[in-house]
């Protein structure tokens, strides 16, 4: 039990620290074959980064703009062709104003990803504080973080906006664009789950040990009473 106590004191600190670090690495990656085109970090979602602006500024969008002769994210530009039948090159225009739905979606994602980020910070802080039922708090923090990250992954996998990028590439004959969750996302999710499993097991073993102690005491009392 002493070894279990030592591990329970040490495990949360590096675990929550790594989770927080993971937020500054790609949670979503868009690839063309094995080449990474766009990456979005967890912290981008936490601070509400405009993904349309981020995607426009990457090299992939610039190359596609040169090839198509228009801004991929601006539907107001002229798509006419020149005398040779090639698309006319147009100057980059400002992105269209953010719609109400896009703004609400960005705010929702910001709140959603802010929850596991704050849970990791809270868990790290409480790791240095001596309080009762600390294990239960770690289970609560990690469970909330794990569930929210899991829901986030499901939402991203079914996102119509991101799937549209893949469809656009298929329409251009590329067919190699893939959208997936980054290694950092999986690592953060697994670490939350690891904390839940460890402290859940610790609580179970403590209750089991307590029950065994009570049984031994009752048996000892019965033995002394008979004598």
Protein backbone atom coordinates (compact mmCIF):
# COMPACT_ATOMS: atom_id res chain seq x y z
CA UNK A 1 0.00 0.00 0.00
CA UNK A 2 2.94 2.32 0.64
CA UNK A 3 4.16 1.84 -2.95
CA UNK A 4 0.65 2.58 -4.19
CA UNK A 5 0.61 5.77 -2.13
CA UNK A 6 3.93 6.91 -3.60
CA UNK A 7 2.73 6.27 -7.16
CA UNK A 8 -0.55 8.10 -6.50
CA UNK A 9 1.42 11.15 -5.34
CA UNK A 10 3.80 11.13 -8.32
CA UNK A 11 1.69 9.93 -11.27
CA UNK A 12 -0.66 12.93 -11.69
CA UNK A 13 2.10 15.55 -11.93
CA UNK A 14 3.84 14.27 -15.10
CA UNK A 15 0.54 13.04 -16.55
CA UNK A 16 -1.25 16.40 -16.35
CA UNK A 17 1.92 18.19 -17.47
CA UNK A 18 2.18 16.05 -20.62
CA UNK A 19 -1.55 16.58 -21.30
CA UNK A 20 -1.07 20.36 -21.17
CA UNK A 21 1.97 20.11 -23.45
CA UNK A 22 -0.06 18.01 -25.90
CA UNK A 23 -2.47 20.92 -26.33
CA UNK A 24 0.30 22.90 -28.02
CA UNK A 25 0.84 20.20 -30.63
CA UNK A 26 -1.46 19.17 -33.53
CA UNK A 27 -4.81 17.70 -32.53
CA UNK A 28 -5.99 17.59 -36.16
CA UNK A 29 -3.88 16.97 -39.24
CA UNK A 30 -4.81 17.20 -42.90
CA UNK A 31 -2.45 15.23 -45.13
CA UNK A 32 -1.89 14.63 -48.80
CA UNK A 33 -0.51 11.12 -48.84
CA UNK A 34 2.23 11.25 -46.19
CA UNK A 35 2.78 15.02 -46.44
CA UNK A 36 1.19 17.15 -43.73
CA UNK A 37 -0.73 20.08 -45.23
CA UNK A 38 -2.52 21.65 -42.28
CA UNK A 39 -2.35 21.09 -38.54
CA UNK A 40 -4.54 22.54 -35.79
CA UNK A 41 -3.41 22.39 -32.17
CA UNK A 42 -5.65 21.89 -29.19
CA UNK A 43 -4.70 25.36 -27.95
CA UNK A 44 -5.92 26.83 -31.25
CA UNK A 45 -9.37 25.63 -30.26
CA UNK A 46 -8.98 26.83 -26.66
CA UNK A 47 -8.27 30.41 -27.76
CA UNK A 48 -10.86 30.35 -30.55
CA UNK A 49 -8.47 30.66 -33.52
CA UNK A 50 -10.21 31.35 -36.84
CA UNK A 51 -9.61 28.05 -38.68
CA UNK A 52 -10.54 29.56 -42.06
CA UNK A 53 -7.76 32.13 -41.72
CA UNK A 54 -5.34 29.49 -40.51
CA UNK A 55 -6.10 27.21 -43.44
CA UNK A 56 -5.81 30.07 -45.93
CA UNK A 57 -2.32 30.99 -44.72
CA UNK A 58 -0.81 27.51 -45.15
CA UNK A 59 1.24 26.45 -48.15
CA UNK A 60 -1.38 23.97 -49.41
CA UNK A 61 -4.04 26.67 -49.83
CA UNK A 62 -1.56 28.99 -51.55
CA UNK A 63 -0.60 26.29 -54.07
CA UNK A 64 -4.25 25.44 -54.69
CA UNK A 65 -5.01 29.12 -55.19
CA UNK A 66 -2.24 29.38 -57.79
CA UNK A 67 -3.54 26.28 -59.56
CA UNK A 68 -7.20 27.34 -59.58
CA UNK A 69 -6.54 31.03 -60.05
CA UNK A 70 -8.82 32.00 -57.19
CA UNK A 71 -9.07 32.08 -53.42
CA UNK A 72 -10.45 28.79 -52.11
CA UNK A 73 -12.14 30.57 -49.22
CA UNK A 74 -13.66 33.48 -51.13
CA UNK A 75 -16.71 32.66 -53.22
CA UNK A 76 -17.14 36.26 -54.41
CA UNK A 77 -14.18 36.27 -56.78
CA UNK A 78 -14.41 36.10 -60.57
CA UNK A 79 -13.70 32.59 -61.90
CA UNK A 80 -13.47 33.56 -65.57
CA UNK A 81 -10.71 32.29 -67.84
CA UNK A 82 -8.22 34.03 -70.11
CA UNK A 83 -7.85 33.71 -73.91
CA UNK A 84 -5.96 30.41 -73.60
CA UNK A 85 -8.68 28.89 -71.43
CA UNK A 86 -6.65 29.10 -68.21
CA UNK A 87 -8.15 30.51 -64.99
CA UNK A 88 -7.40 34.18 -64.50
CA UNK A 89 -5.06 34.96 -61.61
CA UNK A 90 -6.81 37.17 -59.11
CA UNK A 91 -5.45 39.08 -56.20
CA UNK A 92 -6.14 37.67 -52.77
CA UNK A 93 -9.16 39.31 -51.23
CA UNK A 94 -10.18 39.41 -47.58
CA UNK A 95 -12.01 36.35 -46.31
CA UNK A 96 -15.81 36.51 -46.28
CA UNK A 97 -17.29 37.73 -43.03
CA UNK A 98 -17.79 35.02 -40.43
CA UNK A 99 -21.37 33.79 -40.45
CA UNK A 100 -23.43 33.42 -37.29
CA UNK A 101 -23.29 29.62 -37.53
CA UNK A 102 -19.51 29.66 -37.97
CA UNK A 103 -19.11 31.98 -35.00
CA UNK A 104 -21.37 29.84 -32.81
CA UNK A 105 -19.48 26.72 -33.89
CA UNK A 106 -16.12 28.33 -33.08
CA UNK A 107 -17.33 29.48 -29.66
CA UNK A 108 -18.76 26.02 -28.93
CA UNK A 109 -15.43 24.39 -29.82
CA UNK A 110 -13.57 26.96 -27.74
CA UNK A 111 -15.71 26.15 -24.70
CA UNK A 112 -15.51 22.41 -25.33
CA UNK A 113 -11.72 22.31 -25.63
CA UNK A 114 -11.33 24.75 -22.77
CA UNK A 115 -12.89 22.19 -20.41
CA UNK A 116 -10.22 19.43 -20.66
CA UNK A 117 -7.50 22.11 -20.72
CA UNK A 118 -8.81 23.56 -17.44
CA UNK A 119 -9.29 20.06 -15.99
CA UNK A 120 -5.61 19.33 -16.62
CA UNK A 121 -4.59 22.60 -14.97
CA UNK A 122 -6.87 21.94 -11.97
CA UNK A 123 -5.56 18.37 -11.65
CA UNK A 124 -1.96 19.60 -11.73
CA UNK A 125 -2.64 22.23 -9.07
CA UNK A 126 -4.42 19.78 -6.75
CA UNK A 127 -1.52 17.34 -7.17
CA UNK A 128 0.56 19.68 -4.98
CA UNK A 129 -2.16 20.21 -2.36
CA UNK A 130 -2.73 17.84 0.56
CA UNK A 131 -6.44 17.25 0.81
CA UNK A 132 -8.73 14.34 1.58
CA UNK A 133 -10.28 12.37 -1.27
CA UNK A 134 -7.64 13.64 -3.69
CA UNK A 135 -7.98 10.43 -5.69
CA UNK A 136 -11.69 11.05 -6.20
CA UNK A 137 -10.93 14.56 -7.49
CA UNK A 138 -8.42 13.16 -9.97
CA UNK A 139 -11.04 10.69 -11.18
CA UNK A 140 -13.58 13.50 -11.64
CA UNK A 141 -11.16 15.84 -13.44
CA UNK A 142 -9.84 13.09 -15.70
CA UNK A 143 -13.29 11.65 -16.44
CA UNK A 144 -14.57 15.06 -17.57
CA UNK A 145 -11.45 15.64 -19.68
CA UNK A 146 -11.60 12.17 -21.22
CA UNK A 147 -15.30 12.34 -22.11
CA UNK A 148 -15.02 15.83 -23.64
CA UNK A 149 -11.97 14.86 -25.75
CA UNK A 150 -13.79 11.72 -26.88
CA UNK A 151 -16.83 13.77 -27.95
CA UNK A 152 -14.51 16.25 -29.68
CA UNK A 153 -12.94 13.44 -31.70
CA UNK A 154 -16.35 12.15 -32.76
CA UNK A 155 -17.47 15.65 -33.81
CA UNK A 156 -14.32 16.23 -35.84
CA UNK A 157 -14.59 12.86 -37.59
CA UNK A 158 -18.14 13.72 -38.65
CA UNK A 159 -17.44 17.41 -39.41
CA UNK A 160 -18.95 18.40 -42.76
CA UNK A 161 -16.54 21.33 -43.11
CA UNK A 162 -13.42 19.17 -42.84
CA UNK A 163 -14.87 16.40 -44.96
CA UNK A 164 -15.55 19.04 -47.62
CA UNK A 165 -11.80 19.58 -47.94
CA UNK A 166 -11.35 15.90 -48.81
CA UNK A 167 -14.26 16.03 -51.26
CA UNK A 168 -12.77 19.09 -52.92
CA UNK A 169 -9.49 17.23 -53.46
CA UNK A 170 -11.37 14.25 -54.92
CA UNK A 171 -13.12 16.57 -57.31
CA UNK A 172 -9.77 17.90 -58.51
CA UNK A 173 -8.47 14.41 -59.14
CA UNK A 174 -6.28 14.31 -56.03
CA UNK A 175 -8.08 11.69 -54.02
CA UNK A 176 -5.24 11.53 -51.49
CA UNK A 177 -6.37 14.08 -48.91
CA UNK A 178 -6.94 12.52 -45.49
CA UNK A 179 -8.11 14.11 -42.25
CA UNK A 180 -7.13 12.51 -38.97
CA UNK A 181 -6.57 13.15 -35.30
CA UNK A 182 -3.02 13.99 -34.28
CA UNK A 183 -0.84 11.89 -32.01
CA UNK A 184 -1.07 14.58 -29.31
CA UNK A 185 -4.85 14.23 -29.21
CA UNK A 186 -4.62 10.48 -28.66
CA UNK A 187 -1.88 10.90 -26.06
CA UNK A 188 -3.89 13.43 -24.04
CA UNK A 189 -6.99 11.23 -24.20
CA UNK A 190 -5.07 8.11 -23.16
CA UNK A 191 -3.38 9.90 -20.25
CA UNK A 192 -6.76 11.07 -18.93
CA UNK A 193 -7.95 7.46 -19.17
CA UNK A 194 -4.78 6.21 -17.44
CA UNK A 195 -5.39 8.50 -14.46
CA UNK A 196 -9.01 7.33 -14.22
CA UNK A 197 -7.97 3.67 -14.28
CA UNK A 198 -5.16 4.09 -11.74
CA UNK A 199 -7.13 6.02 -9.13
CA UNK A 200 -10.17 3.82 -9.72
CA UNK A 201 -7.99 0.76 -9.04
CA UNK A 202 -6.43 2.48 -6.02
CA UNK A 203 -9.86 3.19 -4.55
CA UNK A 204 -10.92 -0.40 -5.17
CA UNK A 205 -7.78 -1.83 -3.51
CA UNK A 206 -8.16 0.48 -0.51
CA UNK A 207 -11.77 -0.62 -0.01
CA UNK A 208 -10.72 -4.25 -0.41
CA UNK A 209 -7.91 -3.83 2.12
CA UNK A 210 -10.30 -2.12 4.54
CA UNK A 211 -12.80 -4.97 4.24
CA UNK A 212 -10.07 -7.53 4.87
CA UNK A 213 -8.96 -5.64 7.95
CA UNK A 214 -12.52 -5.58 9.28
CA UNK A 215 -12.89 -9.33 8.68
CA UNK A 216 -9.61 -10.01 10.49
CA UNK A 217 -10.64 -7.85 13.43
CA UNK A 218 -14.01 -9.60 13.67
CA UNK A 219 -12.32 -13.01 13.53
CA UNK A 220 -9.83 -11.96 16.21
CA UNK A 221 -12.62 -10.69 18.44
CA UNK A 222 -14.52 -13.97 18.07
CA UNK A 223 -11.38 -15.97 18.87
CA UNK A 224 -10.67 -13.90 22.02
CA UNK A 225 -14.31 -14.15 23.11
CA UNK A 226 -14.24 -17.95 22.90
CA UNK A 227 -11.13 -18.10 25.05
